[in-house]
Amino acid sequence: MDRLTPGVIAFVLAYFLDFLLGDPPRFPHPVRILGALITLLEKSARRLFISQPVLKTAGLILVVIAAGGSTCLPG
């Protein structure tokens, strides 16, 4: 339980700081960049594929690209 407390405190503090300060309006925030990438990939997939099973596969690939890319890039 004692090991959890600093993490919980940091999470709550970060949450409230983000709520109060928000994102800098002119700074390209990584979350906004990732959102734009996901939007672009989703629109492309919906244009290219019509059938539901293929769209589901494309969605799975989109998740792997977005989650994998956002995990690998910072490191």
PDB file of N, CA and C in Angstrom:
ATOM      1  N   MET A   1       0.817  -1.196   0.000  1.00  0.00           N
ATOM      2  CA  MET A   1       0.000   0.000   0.000  1.00  0.00           C
ATOM      3  C   MET A   1       0.857   1.255   0.000  1.00  0.00           C
ATOM      4  N   ASP A   2       1.978   1.232   0.728  1.00  0.00           N
ATOM      5  CA  ASP A   2       2.846   2.403   0.787  1.00  0.00           C
ATOM      6  C   ASP A   2       3.488   2.691  -0.560  1.00  0.00           C
ATOM      7  N   ARG A   3       3.718   1.655  -1.363  1.00  0.00           N
ATOM      8  CA  ARG A   3       4.341   1.852  -2.671  1.00  0.00           C
ATOM      9  C   ARG A   3       3.358   2.494  -3.643  1.00  0.00           C
ATOM     10  N   LEU A   4       2.087   2.289  -3.417  1.00  0.00           N
ATOM     11  CA  LEU A   4       1.056   2.822  -4.298  1.00  0.00           C
ATOM     12  C   LEU A   4       0.838   4.320  -4.069  1.00  0.00           C
ATOM     13  N   THR A   5       1.008   4.782  -2.872  1.00  0.00           N
ATOM     14  CA  THR A   5       0.682   6.152  -2.506  1.00  0.00           C
ATOM     15  C   THR A   5       1.408   7.207  -3.342  1.00  0.00           C
ATOM     16  N   PRO A   6       2.731   7.138  -3.556  1.00  0.00           N
ATOM     17  CA  PRO A   6       3.375   8.170  -4.377  1.00  0.00           C
ATOM     18  C   PRO A   6       2.844   8.191  -5.816  1.00  0.00           C
ATOM     19  N   GLY A   7       2.535   7.034  -6.360  1.00  0.00           N
ATOM     20  CA  GLY A   7       1.986   6.990  -7.711  1.00  0.00           C
ATOM     21  C   GLY A   7       0.611   7.616  -7.784  1.00  0.00           C
ATOM     22  N   VAL A   8      -0.205   7.356  -6.788  1.00  0.00           N
ATOM     23  CA  VAL A   8      -1.549   7.930  -6.753  1.00  0.00           C
ATOM     24  C   VAL A   8      -1.468   9.443  -6.590  1.00  0.00           C
ATOM     25  N   ILE A   9      -0.598   9.899  -5.727  1.00  0.00           N
ATOM     26  CA  ILE A   9      -0.426  11.336  -5.520  1.00  0.00           C
ATOM     27  C   ILE A   9       0.055  12.003  -6.814  1.00  0.00           C
ATOM     28  N   ALA A  10       1.016  11.395  -7.486  1.00  0.00           N
ATOM     29  CA  ALA A  10       1.525  11.956  -8.740  1.00  0.00           C
ATOM     30  C   ALA A  10       0.429  11.990  -9.798  1.00  0.00           C
ATOM     31  N   PHE A  11      -0.380  10.943  -9.879  1.00  0.00           N
ATOM     32  CA  PHE A  11      -1.463  10.905 -10.865  1.00  0.00           C
ATOM     33  C   PHE A  11      -2.486  12.004 -10.604  1.00  0.00           C
ATOM     34  N   VAL A  12      -2.902  12.135  -9.360  1.00  0.00           N
ATOM     35  CA  VAL A  12      -3.907  13.144  -9.009  1.00  0.00           C
ATOM     36  C   VAL A  12      -3.355  14.544  -9.258  1.00  0.00           C
ATOM     37  N   LEU A  13      -2.113  14.781  -8.884  1.00  0.00           N
ATOM     38  CA  LEU A  13      -1.485  16.084  -9.114  1.00  0.00           C
ATOM     39  C   LEU A  13      -1.380  16.385 -10.608  1.00  0.00           C
ATOM     40  N   ALA A  14      -0.955  15.419 -11.383  1.00  0.00           N
ATOM     41  CA  ALA A  14      -0.847  15.607 -12.827  1.00  0.00           C
ATOM     42  C   ALA A  14      -2.210  15.868 -13.447  1.00  0.00           C
ATOM     43  N   TYR A  15      -3.223  15.162 -12.982  1.00  0.00           N
ATOM     44  CA  TYR A  15      -4.580  15.351 -13.503  1.00  0.00           C
ATOM     45  C   TYR A  15      -5.051  16.787 -13.264  1.00  0.00           C
ATOM     46  N   PHE A  16      -4.877  17.277 -12.046  1.00  0.00           N
ATOM     47  CA  PHE A  16      -5.344  18.624 -11.744  1.00  0.00           C
ATOM     48  C   PHE A  16      -4.503  19.691 -12.433  1.00  0.00           C
ATOM     49  N   LEU A  17      -3.212  19.469 -12.564  1.00  0.00           N
ATOM     50  CA  LEU A  17      -2.387  20.420 -13.308  1.00  0.00           C
ATOM     51  C   LEU A  17      -2.801  20.480 -14.776  1.00  0.00           C
ATOM     52  N   ASP A  18      -3.083  19.327 -15.359  1.00  0.00           N
ATOM     53  CA  ASP A  18      -3.536  19.307 -16.744  1.00  0.00           C
ATOM     54  C   ASP A  18      -4.887  19.987 -16.871  1.00  0.00           C
ATOM     55  N   PHE A  19      -5.757  19.790 -15.910  1.00  0.00           N
ATOM     56  CA  PHE A  19      -7.079  20.422 -15.925  1.00  0.00           C
ATOM     57  C   PHE A  19      -6.951  21.946 -15.808  1.00  0.00           C
ATOM     58  N   LEU A  20      -6.059  22.404 -14.934  1.00  0.00           N
ATOM     59  CA  LEU A  20      -5.914  23.839 -14.709  1.00  0.00           C
ATOM     60  C   LEU A  20      -5.149  24.540 -15.836  1.00  0.00           C
ATOM     61  N   LEU A  21      -4.061  23.931 -16.276  1.00  0.00           N
ATOM     62  CA  LEU A  21      -3.194  24.576 -17.259  1.00  0.00           C
ATOM     63  C   LEU A  21      -3.571  24.241 -18.697  1.00  0.00           C
ATOM     64  N   GLY A  22      -4.025  23.031 -18.934  1.00  0.00           N
ATOM     65  CA  GLY A  22      -4.362  22.609 -20.297  1.00  0.00           C
ATOM     66  C   GLY A  22      -3.114  22.458 -21.150  1.00  0.00           C
ATOM     67  N   ASP A  23      -3.339  22.324 -22.445  1.00  0.00           N
ATOM     68  CA  ASP A  23      -2.233  22.200 -23.390  1.00  0.00           C
ATOM     69  C   ASP A  23      -1.877  23.567 -23.950  1.00  0.00           C
ATOM     70  N   PRO A  24      -0.591  23.816 -24.179  1.00  0.00           N
ATOM     71  CA  PRO A  24      -0.213  25.083 -24.812  1.00  0.00           C
ATOM     72  C   PRO A  24      -0.840  25.161 -26.207  1.00  0.00           C
ATOM     73  N   PRO A  25      -1.477  26.271 -26.553  1.00  0.00           N
ATOM     74  CA  PRO A  25      -2.212  26.342 -27.820  1.00  0.00           C
ATOM     75  C   PRO A  25      -1.333  26.266 -29.069  1.00  0.00           C
ATOM     76  N   ARG A  26      -0.120  26.717 -28.986  1.00  0.00           N
ATOM     77  CA  ARG A  26       0.741  26.727 -30.171  1.00  0.00           C
ATOM     78  C   ARG A  26       1.803  25.640 -30.149  1.00  0.00           C
ATOM     79  N   PHE A  27       1.738  24.777 -29.189  1.00  0.00           N
ATOM     80  CA  PHE A  27       2.717  23.710 -29.075  1.00  0.00           C
ATOM     81  C   PHE A  27       2.118  22.430 -29.641  1.00  0.00           C
ATOM     82  N   PRO A  28       2.817  21.759 -30.561  1.00  0.00           N
ATOM     83  CA  PRO A  28       2.251  20.519 -31.121  1.00  0.00           C
ATOM     84  C   PRO A  28       2.295  19.380 -30.099  1.00  0.00           C
ATOM     85  N   HIS A  29       1.242  19.247 -29.350  1.00  0.00           N
ATOM     86  CA  HIS A  29       1.183  18.257 -28.281  1.00  0.00           C
ATOM     87  C   HIS A  29       1.144  16.844 -28.874  1.00  0.00           C
ATOM     88  N   PRO A  30       1.886  15.912 -28.306  1.00  0.00           N
ATOM     89  CA  PRO A  30       1.925  14.542 -28.836  1.00  0.00           C
ATOM     90  C   PRO A  30       0.551  13.876 -28.921  1.00  0.00           C
ATOM     91  N   VAL A  31      -0.334  14.171 -27.991  1.00  0.00           N
ATOM     92  CA  VAL A  31      -1.666  13.569 -28.027  1.00  0.00           C
ATOM     93  C   VAL A  31      -2.456  14.095 -29.228  1.00  0.00           C
ATOM     94  N   ARG A  32      -2.302  15.365 -29.533  1.00  0.00           N
ATOM     95  CA  ARG A  32      -2.975  15.926 -30.710  1.00  0.00           C
ATOM     96  C   ARG A  32      -2.413  15.321 -31.993  1.00  0.00           C
ATOM     97  N   ILE A  33      -1.112  15.116 -32.038  1.00  0.00           N
ATOM     98  CA  ILE A  33      -0.477  14.511 -33.213  1.00  0.00           C
ATOM     99  C   ILE A  33      -0.977  13.076 -33.387  1.00  0.00           C
ATOM    100  N   LEU A  34      -1.053  12.328 -32.296  1.00  0.00           N
ATOM    101  CA  LEU A  34      -1.550  10.957 -32.356  1.00  0.00           C
ATOM    102  C   LEU A  34      -3.016  10.932 -32.789  1.00  0.00           C
ATOM    103  N   GLY A  35      -3.812  11.860 -32.287  1.00  0.00           N
ATOM    104  CA  GLY A  35      -5.215  11.948 -32.691  1.00  0.00           C
ATOM    105  C   GLY A  35      -5.367  12.239 -34.170  1.00  0.00           C
ATOM    106  N   ALA A  36      -4.520  13.126 -34.697  1.00  0.00           N
ATOM    107  CA  ALA A  36      -4.560  13.435 -36.127  1.00  0.00           C
ATOM    108  C   ALA A  36      -4.157  12.213 -36.957  1.00  0.00           C
ATOM    109  N   LEU A  37      -3.165  11.466 -36.490  1.00  0.00           N
ATOM    110  CA  LEU A  37      -2.739  10.254 -37.189  1.00  0.00           C
ATOM    111  C   LEU A  37      -3.860   9.213 -37.206  1.00  0.00           C
ATOM    112  N   ILE A  38      -4.511   9.020 -36.079  1.00  0.00           N
ATOM    113  CA  ILE A  38      -5.601   8.054 -36.000  1.00  0.00           C
ATOM    114  C   ILE A  38      -6.748   8.471 -36.919  1.00  0.00           C
ATOM    115  N   THR A  39      -7.078   9.754 -36.921  1.00  0.00           N
ATOM    116  CA  THR A  39      -8.147  10.246 -37.797  1.00  0.00           C
ATOM    117  C   THR A  39      -7.811  10.004 -39.260  1.00  0.00           C
ATOM    118  N   LEU A  40      -6.581  10.300 -39.634  1.00  0.00           N
ATOM    119  CA  LEU A  40      -6.147  10.095 -41.016  1.00  0.00           C
ATOM    120  C   LEU A  40      -6.213   8.618 -41.405  1.00  0.00           C
ATOM    121  N   LEU A  41      -5.698   7.746 -40.541  1.00  0.00           N
ATOM    122  CA  LEU A  41      -5.708   6.314 -40.835  1.00  0.00           C
ATOM    123  C   LEU A  41      -7.132   5.754 -40.891  1.00  0.00           C
ATOM    124  N   GLU A  42      -7.998   6.229 -39.996  1.00  0.00           N
ATOM    125  CA  GLU A  42      -9.377   5.735 -39.994  1.00  0.00           C
ATOM    126  C   GLU A  42     -10.106   6.162 -41.266  1.00  0.00           C
ATOM    127  N   LYS A  43      -9.960   7.422 -41.659  1.00  0.00           N
ATOM    128  CA  LYS A  43     -10.617   7.882 -42.887  1.00  0.00           C
ATOM    129  C   LYS A  43     -10.111   7.110 -44.098  1.00  0.00           C
ATOM    130  N   SER A  44      -8.811   6.864 -44.136  1.00  0.00           N
ATOM    131  CA  SER A  44      -8.240   6.103 -45.252  1.00  0.00           C
ATOM    132  C   SER A  44      -8.780   4.678 -45.281  1.00  0.00           C
ATOM    133  N   ALA A  45      -8.856   4.043 -44.125  1.00  0.00           N
ATOM    134  CA  ALA A  45      -9.353   2.670 -44.058  1.00  0.00           C
ATOM    135  C   ALA A  45     -10.814   2.603 -44.478  1.00  0.00           C
ATOM    136  N   ARG A  46     -11.617   3.569 -44.050  1.00  0.00           N
ATOM    137  CA  ARG A  46     -13.044   3.558 -44.410  1.00  0.00           C
ATOM    138  C   ARG A  46     -13.251   3.806 -45.902  1.00  0.00           C
ATOM    139  N   ARG A  47     -12.338   4.578 -46.519  1.00  0.00           N
ATOM    140  CA  ARG A  47     -12.427   4.802 -47.956  1.00  0.00           C
ATOM    141  C   ARG A  47     -12.007   3.574 -48.747  1.00  0.00           C
ATOM    142  N   LEU A  48     -10.984   2.881 -48.257  1.00  0.00           N
ATOM    143  CA  LEU A  48     -10.425   1.752 -48.998  1.00  0.00           C
ATOM    144  C   LEU A  48     -11.220   0.458 -48.834  1.00  0.00           C
ATOM    145  N   PHE A  49     -11.774   0.240 -47.668  1.00  0.00           N
ATOM    146  CA  PHE A  49     -12.417  -1.038 -47.374  1.00  0.00           C
ATOM    147  C   PHE A  49     -13.896  -0.843 -47.073  1.00  0.00           C
ATOM    148  N   ILE A  50     -14.721  -1.733 -47.618  1.00  0.00           N
ATOM    149  CA  ILE A  50     -16.158  -1.616 -47.430  1.00  0.00           C
ATOM    150  C   ILE A  50     -16.693  -2.717 -46.518  1.00  0.00           C
ATOM    151  N   SER A  51     -16.220  -3.933 -46.693  1.00  0.00           N
ATOM    152  CA  SER A  51     -16.788  -5.050 -45.928  1.00  0.00           C
ATOM    153  C   SER A  51     -16.419  -4.958 -44.447  1.00  0.00           C
ATOM    154  N   GLN A  52     -17.350  -5.376 -43.608  1.00  0.00           N
ATOM    155  CA  GLN A  52     -17.181  -5.289 -42.158  1.00  0.00           C
ATOM    156  C   GLN A  52     -15.980  -6.093 -41.641  1.00  0.00           C
ATOM    157  N   PRO A  53     -15.766  -7.334 -42.068  1.00  0.00           N
ATOM    158  CA  PRO A  53     -14.608  -8.088 -41.558  1.00  0.00           C
ATOM    159  C   PRO A  53     -13.271  -7.423 -41.915  1.00  0.00           C
ATOM    160  N   VAL A  54     -13.198  -6.879 -43.119  1.00  0.00           N
ATOM    161  CA  VAL A  54     -11.943  -6.226 -43.530  1.00  0.00           C
ATOM    162  C   VAL A  54     -11.750  -4.932 -42.753  1.00  0.00           C
ATOM    163  N   LEU A  55     -12.847  -4.206 -42.504  1.00  0.00           N
ATOM    164  CA  LEU A  55     -12.751  -2.980 -41.708  1.00  0.00           C
ATOM    165  C   LEU A  55     -12.298  -3.285 -40.279  1.00  0.00           C
ATOM    166  N   LYS A  56     -12.767  -4.385 -39.723  1.00  0.00           N
ATOM    167  CA  LYS A  56     -12.342  -4.776 -38.375  1.00  0.00           C
ATOM    168  C   LYS A  56     -10.846  -5.103 -38.352  1.00  0.00           C
ATOM    169  N   THR A  57     -10.381  -5.771 -39.385  1.00  0.00           N
ATOM    170  CA  THR A  57      -8.950  -6.071 -39.483  1.00  0.00           C
ATOM    171  C   THR A  57      -8.143  -4.791 -39.639  1.00  0.00           C
ATOM    172  N   ALA A  58      -8.642  -3.871 -40.459  1.00  0.00           N
ATOM    173  CA  ALA A  58      -7.962  -2.588 -40.630  1.00  0.00           C
ATOM    174  C   ALA A  58      -7.944  -1.824 -39.310  1.00  0.00           C
ATOM    175  N   GLY A  59      -9.034  -1.905 -38.541  1.00  0.00           N
ATOM    176  CA  GLY A  59      -9.079  -1.250 -37.234  1.00  0.00           C
ATOM    177  C   GLY A  59      -8.062  -1.837 -36.270  1.00  0.00           C
ATOM    178  N   LEU A  60      -7.905  -3.144 -36.314  1.00  0.00           N
ATOM    179  CA  LEU A  60      -6.907  -3.803 -35.474  1.00  0.00           C
ATOM    180  C   LEU A  60      -5.497  -3.341 -35.860  1.00  0.00           C
ATOM    181  N   ILE A  61      -5.247  -3.250 -37.142  1.00  0.00           N
ATOM    182  CA  ILE A  61      -3.944  -2.769 -37.615  1.00  0.00           C
ATOM    183  C   ILE A  61      -3.732  -1.317 -37.192  1.00  0.00           C
ATOM    184  N   LEU A  62      -4.788  -0.512 -37.261  1.00  0.00           N
ATOM    185  CA  LEU A  62      -4.705   0.887 -36.825  1.00  0.00           C
ATOM    186  C   LEU A  62      -4.330   0.974 -35.347  1.00  0.00           C
ATOM    187  N   VAL A  63      -4.949   0.135 -34.533  1.00  0.00           N
ATOM    188  CA  VAL A  63      -4.631   0.120 -33.093  1.00  0.00           C
ATOM    189  C   VAL A  63      -3.167  -0.251 -32.877  1.00  0.00           C
ATOM    190  N   VAL A  64      -2.691  -1.257 -33.600  1.00  0.00           N
ATOM    191  CA  VAL A  64      -1.295  -1.676 -33.450  1.00  0.00           C
ATOM    192  C   VAL A  64      -0.352  -0.548 -33.865  1.00  0.00           C
ATOM    193  N   ILE A  65      -0.667   0.122 -34.964  1.00  0.00           N
ATOM    194  CA  ILE A  65       0.179   1.229 -35.429  1.00  0.00           C
ATOM    195  C   ILE A  65       0.170   2.371 -34.418  1.00  0.00           C
ATOM    196  N   ALA A  66      -1.022   2.770 -33.972  1.00  0.00           N
ATOM    197  CA  ALA A  66      -1.125   3.911 -33.049  1.00  0.00           C
ATOM    198  C   ALA A  66      -0.523   3.595 -31.680  1.00  0.00           C
ATOM    199  N   ALA A  67      -0.888   2.453 -31.115  1.00  0.00           N
ATOM    200  CA  ALA A  67      -0.378   2.106 -29.790  1.00  0.00           C
ATOM    201  C   ALA A  67       1.110   1.765 -29.846  1.00  0.00           C
ATOM    202  N   GLY A  68       1.502   1.012 -30.855  1.00  0.00           N
ATOM    203  CA  GLY A  68       2.910   0.647 -30.985  1.00  0.00           C
ATOM    204  C   GLY A  68       3.797   1.848 -31.275  1.00  0.00           C
ATOM    205  N   GLY A  69       3.314   2.697 -32.156  1.00  0.00           N
ATOM    206  CA  GLY A  69       4.087   3.902 -32.479  1.00  0.00           C
ATOM    207  C   GLY A  69       4.232   4.851 -31.301  1.00  0.00           C
ATOM    208  N   SER A  70       3.137   5.042 -30.572  1.00  0.00           N
ATOM    209  CA  SER A  70       3.222   5.951 -29.422  1.00  0.00           C
ATOM    210  C   SER A  70       4.031   5.342 -28.290  1.00  0.00           C
ATOM    211  N   THR A  71       4.147   4.030 -28.249  1.00  0.00           N
ATOM    212  CA  THR A  71       4.966   3.377 -27.226  1.00  0.00           C
ATOM    213  C   THR A  71       6.443   3.395 -27.603  1.00  0.00           C
ATOM    214  N   CYS A  72       6.737   3.180 -28.870  1.00  0.00           N
ATOM    215  CA  CYS A  72       8.132   3.059 -29.310  1.00  0.00           C
ATOM    216  C   CYS A  72       8.830   4.397 -29.506  1.00  0.00           C
ATOM    217  N   LEU A  73       8.120   5.409 -29.943  1.00  0.00           N
ATOM    218  CA  LEU A  73       8.754   6.689 -30.260  1.00  0.00           C
ATOM    219  C   LEU A  73       9.441   7.392 -29.085  1.00  0.00           C
ATOM    220  N   PRO A  74       8.787   7.483 -27.932  1.00  0.00           N
ATOM    221  CA  PRO A  74       9.460   8.205 -26.832  1.00  0.00           C
ATOM    222  C   PRO A  74      10.743   7.550 -26.345  1.00  0.00           C
ATOM    223  N   GLY A  75      10.846   6.236 -26.478  1.00  0.00           N
ATOM    224  CA  GLY A  75      11.997   5.509 -25.946  1.00  0.00           C
ATOM    225  C   GLY A  75      13.171   5.642 -26.827  1.00  0.00           C
TER     226      GLY A  75
END
